[in-house]
Amino acid sequence: MTTTASPAGIRSAPAAAPSGILLTILLGGLFMNLLDVSIVNVAIGPLQRDLHAGGAQLQLIVSAYVMAYAALLITGARLGGRFGHRRMFRAGLLGFSLTSLACGLATSADALIALRVSQGVAAASMLPQVMSLIQVCFPAGPARARALGWYGLVLALGTVAGQLAGGVLLQADIAGSGWRSVFLINVPIGVLLWWLAGSQLPTRTSVPVDGLDLPGVVCFGAVISLVVVPLVLGRSQGWPAWGWVAWGCAAFGTILMVLIERRSVAPVLPADVLRTSGLLPGIALCMLTVGGYAGYLFTLSLHLQTALRMGPLATGIAFLPLAAGFAAASLSSPRLPRRLTRWLIPVGLLGCVATYPVLGAVVGDGARPSTGFYLLLVVLGAGQGYAVTPVIGLSLAAVPVRRAAEASGLLSSAFQLAQVAGVTGVGSLYLDRAGSAGSAGAVRTVCEVLAFAAAAALVCSVRLLRVSPG
């Protein structure tokens, strides 16, 4: 390890160069968790039929996992710094495997929603350790750039692969398991990764950290729930008064959290880390881009299955061009000169701004996806890949390694909150618009909104390039 990756205060990994096996284990945990976000999208139809789940319950089945995950990520990062990243990574893997088993045995939509929250808690113990271990174990420079490139690639492929894997599992219907297989598949994978992590991950990677801000954690989780739950349930209930009361409480909770954070010695949202050059514009850019990406995946999956009557496998295959575009961009960007890579971010976002409205027009005409649609998905995937992958490294470039756990937790929380906002906000927009303008009009409206979000991300990218080194 170089002094850059292992400064004073960090009990570091062995001096040997980090192995491909180590990175594979870390990214395997990331992939499994991302898979579990999107794999549920293609099970929407079977879940709706078997558990008699309504539109709001389907949104919560997808987003409840991410809500709990996002609310506890910073705490998970701190626990990794205190008790060791390896220990927390393995504990999270074991918990995730057990809760996945319980999800696969759920007998009602409400029970599945509660179990998805438990899954999110386990994921929050595991996932912050992935970025922290990459920051600690891979020296700054080409090695870390390649690791982050693979991280960005898995970030996209995990989401899209979930669509395809879910379709394959539902089509195979192993032992008549139906939708339950999309959860049960995590059990053998999680156990294997848990066993490998015991022998391959470095045993001494803890970092001295401050205490846990339990009032801040509770307040943060409450604010997220008070915003998201009325957004999901309000549409189906005609936007009742309790929803507006909940949003008012969320505003009060936000003020309360600011006061708590100012007095806390170990705030959930550490102001000094947030002030690190490049981190805030990077977080804003990622939230806008990833939120649009997650919202588009959810609404397009819903549209293809409910409006166009496509099966789960056909729906999963429809997303492969998107994955191909993202993969090509994620793998190629780290190999390019740094000065050129920086400018790929606005170029990729311009591609998203131009592509979303055209996709809305192509898919929204009520016809099955055409060759033009698939080509546009390749362009969109490449734009997303060039916009997101380099941002991870740029956002964390100025963060001291001793604060890597907290910074990675903040960035990971931003990714997950963006997915919650995408699924709940964009999903509610689609469902509401479909009721009045039909599915075609709903798709067009969604894509127009996502184009505006990509334009806002473009503005953030200009700020990020100005303040980031290099």
Protein backbone atom coordinates (compact mmCIF):
# COMPACT_ATOMS: atom_id res chain seq x y z
CA MET A 1 0.00 0.00 0.00
CA THR A 2 1.17 3.51 -0.70
CA THR A 3 1.04 6.30 1.83
CA THR A 4 -1.78 7.85 -0.17
CA ALA A 5 -4.06 4.91 0.42
CA SER A 6 -2.94 4.20 3.96
CA PRO A 7 -2.25 7.35 5.90
CA ALA A 8 -1.72 7.61 9.59
CA GLY A 9 -4.72 6.58 11.55
CA ILE A 10 -5.78 3.80 9.22
CA ARG A 11 -4.98 0.25 10.12
CA SER A 12 -4.48 -0.85 6.60
CA ALA A 13 -4.68 -3.91 4.48
CA PRO A 14 -1.56 -5.93 3.73
CA ALA A 15 1.06 -4.24 1.59
CA ALA A 16 0.55 -6.65 -1.29
CA ALA A 17 -1.30 -5.33 -4.29
CA PRO A 18 -5.04 -5.88 -3.98
CA SER A 19 -6.13 -8.92 -5.93
CA GLY A 20 -8.81 -9.32 -8.52
CA ILE A 21 -10.49 -11.80 -6.18
CA LEU A 22 -10.79 -9.12 -3.51
CA LEU A 23 -12.43 -6.70 -5.95
CA THR A 24 -14.69 -9.49 -7.25
CA ILE A 25 -15.97 -10.23 -3.74
CA LEU A 26 -16.64 -6.55 -3.02
CA LEU A 27 -18.38 -5.96 -6.33
CA GLY A 28 -20.25 -9.25 -5.90
CA GLY A 29 -21.86 -7.85 -2.76
CA LEU A 30 -22.67 -4.61 -4.58
CA PHE A 31 -24.07 -6.52 -7.56
CA MET A 32 -26.29 -8.71 -5.38
CA ASN A 33 -27.79 -5.70 -3.65
CA LEU A 34 -28.38 -3.77 -6.86
CA LEU A 35 -29.86 -6.88 -8.41
CA ASP A 36 -32.41 -6.97 -5.63
CA VAL A 37 -33.59 -3.44 -6.39
CA SER A 38 -34.32 -3.99 -10.07
CA ILE A 39 -35.08 -7.71 -10.14
CA VAL A 40 -38.40 -6.94 -8.45
CA ASN A 41 -39.41 -4.69 -11.37
CA VAL A 42 -40.01 -7.61 -13.71
CA ALA A 43 -41.89 -9.50 -10.98
CA ILE A 44 -44.48 -6.71 -10.80
CA GLY A 45 -47.08 -8.70 -12.73
CA PRO A 46 -46.78 -11.97 -10.73
CA LEU A 47 -46.64 -10.05 -7.42
CA GLN A 48 -49.76 -8.14 -8.37
CA ARG A 49 -51.61 -11.36 -9.17
CA ASP A 50 -50.37 -13.64 -6.37
CA LEU A 51 -50.35 -11.16 -3.48
CA HIS A 52 -53.19 -8.96 -4.78
CA ALA A 53 -50.86 -5.96 -4.52
CA GLY A 54 -52.06 -2.54 -5.65
CA GLY A 55 -49.96 0.08 -7.44
CA ALA A 56 -48.92 1.76 -4.17
CA GLN A 57 -47.92 -1.56 -2.60
CA LEU A 58 -45.84 -2.43 -5.67
CA GLN A 59 -44.00 0.88 -5.35
CA LEU A 60 -43.33 0.20 -1.67
CA ILE A 61 -42.12 -3.35 -2.37
CA VAL A 62 -39.50 -1.79 -4.65
CA SER A 63 -38.69 1.32 -2.61
CA ALA A 64 -39.03 0.17 1.05
CA TYR A 65 -35.73 -1.70 0.70
CA VAL A 66 -33.97 1.38 -0.65
CA MET A 67 -35.55 3.71 1.95
CA ALA A 68 -34.15 1.73 4.90
CA TYR A 69 -30.85 1.29 3.09
CA ALA A 70 -30.44 5.01 2.38
CA ALA A 71 -31.43 6.09 5.90
CA LEU A 72 -28.82 3.85 7.55
CA LEU A 73 -25.91 4.00 5.09
CA ILE A 74 -23.97 6.68 6.97
CA THR A 75 -24.37 4.73 10.20
CA GLY A 76 -23.25 1.58 8.40
CA ALA A 77 -20.14 3.38 7.17
CA ARG A 78 -19.35 4.52 10.73
CA LEU A 79 -19.86 1.01 12.11
CA GLY A 80 -17.41 -0.25 9.50
CA GLY A 81 -14.86 2.31 10.61
CA ARG A 82 -15.37 1.36 14.26
CA PHE A 83 -15.62 -2.44 14.11
CA GLY A 84 -13.80 -3.16 10.87
CA HIS A 85 -14.99 -3.10 7.27
CA ARG A 86 -14.45 -6.83 6.81
CA ARG A 87 -16.52 -7.72 9.87
CA MET A 88 -19.42 -5.45 8.90
CA PHE A 89 -19.30 -6.58 5.27
CA ARG A 90 -19.65 -10.23 6.30
CA ALA A 91 -22.35 -9.46 8.89
CA GLY A 92 -24.33 -7.58 6.27
CA LEU A 93 -23.96 -10.44 3.77
CA LEU A 94 -25.28 -12.94 6.29
CA GLY A 95 -28.20 -10.70 7.27
CA PHE A 96 -29.04 -10.02 3.64
CA SER A 97 -29.09 -13.73 2.84
CA LEU A 98 -31.42 -14.51 5.76
CA THR A 99 -33.83 -11.66 4.99
CA SER A 100 -33.87 -12.69 1.32
CA LEU A 101 -34.95 -16.15 2.42
CA ALA A 102 -37.73 -14.61 4.51
CA CYS A 103 -38.85 -12.45 1.55
CA GLY A 104 -39.08 -15.56 -0.60
CA LEU A 105 -41.44 -17.10 1.98
CA ALA A 106 -43.69 -14.02 2.41
CA THR A 107 -47.44 -14.65 2.16
CA SER A 108 -48.78 -11.10 1.80
CA ALA A 109 -47.81 -7.80 0.21
CA ASP A 110 -47.62 -6.04 3.59
CA ALA A 111 -45.36 -8.74 5.03
CA LEU A 112 -43.11 -8.48 1.97
CA ILE A 113 -42.87 -4.70 2.39
CA ALA A 114 -41.80 -5.13 6.05
CA LEU A 115 -39.23 -7.76 5.08
CA ARG A 116 -37.87 -5.50 2.36
CA VAL A 117 -37.19 -2.92 5.07
CA SER A 118 -35.19 -5.60 6.92
CA GLN A 119 -33.27 -6.33 3.75
CA GLY A 120 -32.40 -2.65 3.51
CA VAL A 121 -31.05 -2.63 7.06
CA ALA A 122 -28.75 -5.57 6.23
CA ALA A 123 -27.63 -3.90 3.00
CA ALA A 124 -26.73 -0.74 4.93
CA SER A 125 -24.32 -2.81 7.02
CA MET A 126 -22.62 -4.22 3.94
CA LEU A 127 -22.54 -1.73 1.08
CA PRO A 128 -20.69 1.23 2.65
CA GLN A 129 -17.80 -1.13 3.25
CA VAL A 130 -17.41 -1.73 -0.50
CA MET A 131 -16.44 1.85 -1.36
CA SER A 132 -14.43 2.22 1.86
CA LEU A 133 -12.39 -0.92 1.13
CA ILE A 134 -11.76 0.23 -2.44
CA GLN A 135 -10.55 3.61 -1.13
CA VAL A 136 -8.29 1.96 1.46
CA CYS A 137 -7.01 -1.10 -0.44
CA PHE A 138 -6.45 0.39 -3.91
CA PRO A 139 -3.75 3.08 -4.18
CA ALA A 140 -4.71 6.43 -5.67
CA GLY A 141 -3.96 6.44 -9.38
CA PRO A 142 -4.60 3.88 -12.14
CA ALA A 143 -5.39 1.01 -9.73
CA ARG A 144 -8.12 2.93 -7.94
CA ALA A 145 -9.41 4.42 -11.21
CA ARG A 146 -9.82 0.93 -12.65
CA ALA A 147 -11.52 -0.30 -9.47
CA LEU A 148 -13.93 2.65 -9.54
CA GLY A 149 -14.54 2.04 -13.24
CA TRP A 150 -15.61 -1.52 -12.45
CA TYR A 151 -17.66 -0.16 -9.54
CA GLY A 152 -19.53 2.17 -11.91
CA LEU A 153 -20.01 -0.63 -14.41
CA VAL A 154 -21.48 -2.97 -11.79
CA LEU A 155 -23.64 -0.10 -10.55
CA ALA A 156 -25.36 0.02 -13.93
CA LEU A 157 -25.21 -3.66 -14.88
CA GLY A 158 -26.59 -4.72 -11.50
CA THR A 159 -29.65 -2.61 -12.12
CA VAL A 160 -30.27 -3.76 -15.69
CA ALA A 161 -29.12 -7.35 -15.10
CA GLY A 162 -31.79 -7.58 -12.45
CA GLN A 163 -34.41 -7.01 -15.11
CA LEU A 164 -33.01 -9.83 -17.26
CA ALA A 165 -32.27 -12.21 -14.37
CA GLY A 166 -35.76 -11.70 -13.01
CA GLY A 167 -37.24 -12.49 -16.40
CA VAL A 168 -35.17 -15.66 -16.73
CA LEU A 169 -36.07 -16.86 -13.23
CA LEU A 170 -39.78 -16.19 -13.73
CA GLN A 171 -39.72 -17.91 -17.12
CA ALA A 172 -37.91 -20.95 -15.66
CA ASP A 173 -40.31 -21.07 -12.68
CA ILE A 174 -37.95 -23.42 -10.81
CA ALA A 175 -39.96 -25.88 -8.68
CA GLY A 176 -43.01 -23.69 -9.17
CA SER A 177 -41.42 -20.92 -7.10
CA GLY A 178 -42.66 -18.11 -9.38
CA TRP A 179 -41.77 -14.63 -8.09
CA ARG A 180 -40.25 -16.10 -4.91
CA SER A 181 -37.17 -17.17 -6.87
CA VAL A 182 -36.11 -13.54 -7.36
CA PHE A 183 -35.44 -13.39 -3.62
CA LEU A 184 -34.33 -16.96 -2.96
CA ILE A 185 -31.54 -16.66 -5.57
CA ASN A 186 -29.70 -14.37 -3.12
CA VAL A 187 -29.27 -17.10 -0.52
CA PRO A 188 -26.60 -19.31 -2.21
CA ILE A 189 -24.82 -16.26 -3.67
CA GLY A 190 -24.72 -14.50 -0.30
CA VAL A 191 -23.44 -17.58 1.54
CA LEU A 192 -20.67 -18.10 -1.06
CA LEU A 193 -19.54 -14.46 -0.84
CA TRP A 194 -19.65 -14.61 2.98
CA TRP A 195 -17.34 -17.65 2.94
CA LEU A 196 -14.90 -16.11 0.43
CA ALA A 197 -14.82 -12.80 2.30
CA GLY A 198 -13.65 -14.61 5.41
CA SER A 199 -10.38 -15.61 3.76
CA GLN A 200 -9.79 -12.94 1.13
CA LEU A 201 -10.65 -9.57 2.69
CA PRO A 202 -7.99 -7.82 4.79
CA THR A 203 -8.60 -8.24 8.49
CA ARG A 204 -7.34 -4.83 9.66
CA THR A 205 -9.02 -1.97 7.83
CA SER A 206 -10.76 -0.10 10.62
CA VAL A 207 -10.52 3.68 10.94
CA PRO A 208 -10.85 5.76 14.13
CA VAL A 209 -14.34 7.27 13.99
CA ASP A 210 -16.57 9.44 16.10
CA GLY A 211 -19.59 8.09 17.97
CA LEU A 212 -22.95 7.28 16.45
CA ASP A 213 -25.54 10.03 16.12
CA LEU A 214 -28.64 8.01 17.03
CA PRO A 215 -31.01 11.04 17.24
CA GLY A 216 -29.80 12.11 13.80
CA VAL A 217 -30.28 8.60 12.39
CA VAL A 218 -33.86 8.41 13.73
CA CYS A 219 -34.69 11.90 12.47
CA PHE A 220 -33.17 11.22 9.03
CA GLY A 221 -35.14 7.98 8.64
CA ALA A 222 -38.35 9.65 9.81
CA VAL A 223 -38.01 12.51 7.33
CA ILE A 224 -37.45 10.09 4.44
CA SER A 225 -40.49 8.01 5.44
CA LEU A 226 -42.70 11.09 5.92
CA VAL A 227 -41.86 12.25 2.40
CA VAL A 228 -41.97 8.95 0.54
CA VAL A 229 -44.95 7.11 2.06
CA PRO A 230 -47.54 9.87 1.33
CA LEU A 231 -46.06 10.25 -2.15
CA VAL A 232 -46.64 6.54 -2.83
CA LEU A 233 -50.00 6.06 -1.08
CA GLY A 234 -51.48 9.50 -1.66
CA ARG A 235 -52.24 9.03 -5.35
CA SER A 236 -54.41 5.95 -4.81
CA GLN A 237 -56.29 7.67 -1.96
CA GLY A 238 -56.97 10.97 -3.71
CA TRP A 239 -54.21 12.88 -1.88
CA PRO A 240 -55.85 12.83 1.58
CA ALA A 241 -55.23 15.34 4.38
CA TRP A 242 -52.96 12.99 6.31
CA GLY A 243 -50.46 13.09 3.46
CA TRP A 244 -50.18 16.87 3.61
CA VAL A 245 -49.83 16.66 7.40
CA ALA A 246 -47.02 14.14 6.94
CA TRP A 247 -45.21 16.45 4.52
CA GLY A 248 -45.58 19.29 7.02
CA CYS A 249 -44.07 17.05 9.70
CA ALA A 250 -41.24 16.21 7.28
CA ALA A 251 -40.48 19.93 6.91
CA PHE A 252 -40.47 20.32 10.70
CA GLY A 253 -38.31 17.20 10.99
CA THR A 254 -35.81 18.65 8.53
CA ILE A 255 -35.45 21.79 10.67
CA LEU A 256 -35.12 19.63 13.78
CA MET A 257 -32.45 17.53 12.11
CA VAL A 258 -30.43 20.63 11.20
CA LEU A 259 -30.50 21.67 14.86
CA ILE A 260 -29.52 18.17 16.01
CA GLU A 261 -26.68 17.96 13.48
CA ARG A 262 -25.26 21.32 14.57
CA ARG A 263 -24.97 20.10 18.16
CA SER A 264 -23.83 16.56 17.42
CA VAL A 265 -20.16 15.63 17.76
CA ALA A 266 -20.65 12.91 15.13
CA PRO A 267 -23.42 14.12 12.78
CA VAL A 268 -25.06 11.81 10.27
CA LEU A 269 -24.35 14.43 7.61
CA PRO A 270 -20.90 15.77 8.59
CA ALA A 271 -20.62 19.39 7.42
CA ASP A 272 -16.84 19.31 7.05
CA VAL A 273 -17.04 16.31 4.71
CA LEU A 274 -19.86 17.90 2.72
CA ARG A 275 -17.71 21.00 2.26
CA THR A 276 -14.99 18.93 0.58
CA SER A 277 -14.33 20.33 -2.88
CA GLY A 278 -16.43 18.56 -5.50
CA LEU A 279 -18.51 16.37 -3.18
CA LEU A 280 -21.75 18.39 -3.09
CA PRO A 281 -22.00 19.05 -6.85
CA GLY A 282 -21.08 15.40 -7.43
CA ILE A 283 -23.85 14.24 -5.09
CA ALA A 284 -26.38 16.53 -6.79
CA LEU A 285 -25.33 15.30 -10.23
CA CYS A 286 -25.54 11.65 -9.20
CA MET A 287 -28.96 12.09 -7.57
CA LEU A 288 -30.42 13.70 -10.68
CA THR A 289 -28.87 11.18 -13.07
CA VAL A 290 -29.41 8.00 -11.02
CA GLY A 291 -32.91 9.13 -9.99
CA GLY A 292 -33.87 9.52 -13.62
CA TYR A 293 -32.29 6.18 -14.47
CA ALA A 294 -34.16 4.32 -11.71
CA GLY A 295 -37.44 6.07 -12.48
CA TYR A 296 -37.13 5.22 -16.16
CA LEU A 297 -36.41 1.55 -15.46
CA PHE A 298 -39.43 1.25 -13.17
CA THR A 299 -41.91 3.09 -15.38
CA LEU A 300 -40.74 1.48 -18.62
CA SER A 301 -40.93 -1.97 -17.01
CA LEU A 302 -44.44 -1.17 -15.78
CA HIS A 303 -45.43 0.16 -19.21
CA LEU A 304 -44.06 -2.82 -21.14
CA GLN A 305 -45.77 -5.36 -18.87
CA THR A 306 -49.10 -3.70 -18.17
CA ALA A 307 -49.78 -1.57 -21.25
CA LEU A 308 -48.00 -3.58 -23.95
CA ARG A 309 -48.56 -6.99 -22.32
CA MET A 310 -44.94 -8.10 -22.67
CA GLY A 311 -43.80 -10.99 -20.47
CA PRO A 312 -41.11 -10.70 -17.76
CA LEU A 313 -38.40 -12.30 -19.92
CA ALA A 314 -39.15 -10.09 -22.94
CA THR A 315 -39.16 -7.06 -20.64
CA GLY A 316 -35.78 -8.03 -19.20
CA ILE A 317 -34.29 -8.55 -22.67
CA ALA A 318 -35.57 -5.14 -23.74
CA PHE A 319 -33.15 -3.51 -21.28
CA LEU A 320 -30.01 -5.27 -22.58
CA PRO A 321 -29.09 -2.47 -25.04
CA LEU A 322 -29.18 -0.01 -22.16
CA ALA A 323 -26.74 -2.21 -20.24
CA ALA A 324 -24.51 -2.57 -23.30
CA GLY A 325 -24.24 1.19 -23.73
CA PHE A 326 -23.50 1.76 -20.05
CA ALA A 327 -20.94 -1.06 -19.97
CA ALA A 328 -19.06 0.28 -22.98
CA ALA A 329 -18.93 3.77 -21.45
CA SER A 330 -17.94 2.59 -17.96
CA LEU A 331 -15.12 0.38 -19.21
CA SER A 332 -13.73 2.86 -21.72
CA SER A 333 -13.77 6.05 -19.65
CA PRO A 334 -11.05 5.01 -17.11
CA ARG A 335 -8.70 4.19 -20.01
CA LEU A 336 -8.92 7.68 -21.50
CA PRO A 337 -6.71 10.63 -20.47
CA ARG A 338 -8.00 12.35 -17.32
CA ARG A 339 -8.55 15.69 -19.06
CA LEU A 340 -10.71 14.01 -21.71
CA THR A 341 -12.61 11.89 -19.16
CA ARG A 342 -13.74 14.99 -17.30
CA TRP A 343 -15.44 16.40 -20.36
CA LEU A 344 -17.22 13.16 -21.10
CA ILE A 345 -19.57 13.98 -18.19
CA PRO A 346 -21.34 16.93 -19.88
CA VAL A 347 -21.22 15.15 -23.23
CA GLY A 348 -22.96 12.12 -21.73
CA LEU A 349 -25.59 14.31 -20.08
CA LEU A 350 -26.26 16.14 -23.33
CA GLY A 351 -26.90 12.73 -24.88
CA CYS A 352 -29.44 11.98 -22.13
CA VAL A 353 -31.17 15.35 -22.60
CA ALA A 354 -31.55 14.65 -26.32
CA THR A 355 -32.51 10.96 -26.01
CA TYR A 356 -35.24 10.98 -23.36
CA PRO A 357 -37.86 12.93 -25.36
CA VAL A 358 -37.27 10.78 -28.45
CA LEU A 359 -37.68 7.62 -26.38
CA GLY A 360 -40.96 9.01 -25.06
CA ALA A 361 -42.22 9.51 -28.57
CA VAL A 362 -41.05 6.07 -29.79
CA VAL A 363 -42.37 4.02 -26.85
CA GLY A 364 -45.44 6.13 -26.24
CA ASP A 365 -47.16 5.35 -29.52
CA GLY A 366 -48.59 2.09 -28.15
CA ALA A 367 -46.55 -0.16 -30.45
CA ARG A 368 -44.05 -2.81 -29.43
CA PRO A 369 -40.42 -1.60 -29.16
CA SER A 370 -38.73 -1.18 -32.54
CA THR A 371 -35.11 -1.32 -33.68
CA GLY A 372 -34.94 2.45 -33.29
CA PHE A 373 -36.01 2.12 -29.66
CA TYR A 374 -33.21 -0.31 -28.90
CA LEU A 375 -30.61 1.91 -30.60
CA LEU A 376 -31.82 4.85 -28.53
CA LEU A 377 -31.40 2.76 -25.37
CA VAL A 378 -27.75 2.15 -26.32
CA VAL A 379 -27.24 5.92 -26.65
CA LEU A 380 -28.99 6.57 -23.34
CA GLY A 381 -26.93 3.88 -21.58
CA ALA A 382 -23.68 5.33 -22.94
CA GLY A 383 -24.72 8.82 -21.85
CA GLN A 384 -25.51 7.55 -18.36
CA GLY A 385 -22.21 5.65 -18.18
CA TYR A 386 -20.12 8.63 -19.21
CA ALA A 387 -22.06 10.87 -16.83
CA VAL A 388 -21.95 8.67 -13.71
CA THR A 389 -18.74 6.62 -13.73
CA PRO A 390 -16.17 9.49 -13.79
CA VAL A 391 -18.21 11.46 -11.25
CA ILE A 392 -17.53 8.91 -8.51
CA GLY A 393 -13.78 9.44 -8.68
CA LEU A 394 -14.04 13.22 -9.12
CA SER A 395 -16.39 13.59 -6.17
CA LEU A 396 -14.10 11.66 -3.82
CA ALA A 397 -10.76 12.93 -5.21
CA ALA A 398 -10.26 15.59 -2.53
CA VAL A 399 -11.60 13.51 0.40
CA PRO A 400 -8.92 12.48 2.93
CA VAL A 401 -8.73 8.70 3.28
CA ARG A 402 -9.51 9.00 7.01
CA ARG A 403 -12.92 10.42 5.99
CA ALA A 404 -13.40 7.96 3.13
CA ALA A 405 -15.99 5.91 5.06
CA GLU A 406 -18.19 8.94 5.71
CA ALA A 407 -17.77 10.40 2.22
CA SER A 408 -18.52 7.06 0.57
CA GLY A 409 -21.53 6.69 2.85
CA LEU A 410 -22.81 10.11 1.79
CA LEU A 411 -22.31 9.30 -1.89
CA SER A 412 -23.92 5.88 -1.53
CA SER A 413 -26.84 7.42 0.38
CA ALA A 414 -27.29 9.89 -2.46
CA PHE A 415 -27.45 7.02 -4.96
CA GLN A 416 -30.08 5.20 -2.91
CA LEU A 417 -32.18 8.28 -2.14
CA ALA A 418 -32.11 9.02 -5.85
CA GLN A 419 -33.51 5.57 -6.57
CA VAL A 420 -36.26 6.11 -3.98
CA ALA A 421 -37.11 9.47 -5.54
CA GLY A 422 -37.03 7.97 -9.03
CA VAL A 423 -39.26 4.99 -8.27
CA THR A 424 -41.75 6.86 -6.08
CA GLY A 425 -41.79 10.25 -7.77
CA VAL A 426 -41.53 9.21 -11.41
CA GLY A 427 -43.59 6.08 -10.77
CA SER A 428 -46.40 8.11 -9.20
CA LEU A 429 -46.25 10.57 -12.10
CA TYR A 430 -46.64 7.70 -14.59
CA LEU A 431 -49.51 6.05 -12.70
CA ASP A 432 -51.32 9.36 -12.20
CA ARG A 433 -50.83 10.46 -15.80
CA ALA A 434 -51.81 7.05 -17.17
CA GLY A 435 -55.19 7.38 -15.49
CA SER A 436 -56.01 10.62 -17.34
CA ALA A 437 -53.97 10.58 -20.55
CA GLY A 438 -53.41 6.87 -21.10
CA SER A 439 -50.12 4.97 -20.97
CA ALA A 440 -48.75 6.62 -24.13
CA GLY A 441 -49.23 10.11 -22.74
CA ALA A 442 -47.79 9.02 -19.39
CA VAL A 443 -44.59 7.74 -21.02
CA ARG A 444 -44.15 10.97 -22.96
CA THR A 445 -44.65 13.07 -19.81
CA VAL A 446 -42.17 10.97 -17.83
CA CYS A 447 -39.49 11.25 -20.52
CA GLU A 448 -39.95 15.02 -20.76
CA VAL A 449 -39.48 15.34 -16.99
CA LEU A 450 -36.38 13.13 -17.12
CA ALA A 451 -34.92 15.29 -19.88
CA PHE A 452 -35.27 18.34 -17.58
CA ALA A 453 -33.59 16.37 -14.77
CA ALA A 454 -30.67 15.53 -17.08
CA ALA A 455 -30.41 19.23 -18.03
CA ALA A 456 -30.21 20.13 -14.31
CA ALA A 457 -27.48 17.49 -13.89
CA LEU A 458 -25.63 19.14 -16.78
CA VAL A 459 -25.57 22.41 -14.82
CA CYS A 460 -24.19 20.53 -11.79
CA SER A 461 -21.47 18.99 -13.97
CA VAL A 462 -20.20 22.44 -14.92
CA ARG A 463 -19.81 23.29 -11.24
CA LEU A 464 -18.12 19.95 -10.51
CA LEU A 465 -15.56 20.43 -13.29
CA ARG A 466 -14.74 23.90 -12.00
CA VAL A 467 -13.96 22.86 -8.43
CA SER A 468 -12.46 19.37 -8.96
CA PRO A 469 -8.69 18.97 -9.28
CA GLY A 470 -7.18 18.12 -12.66
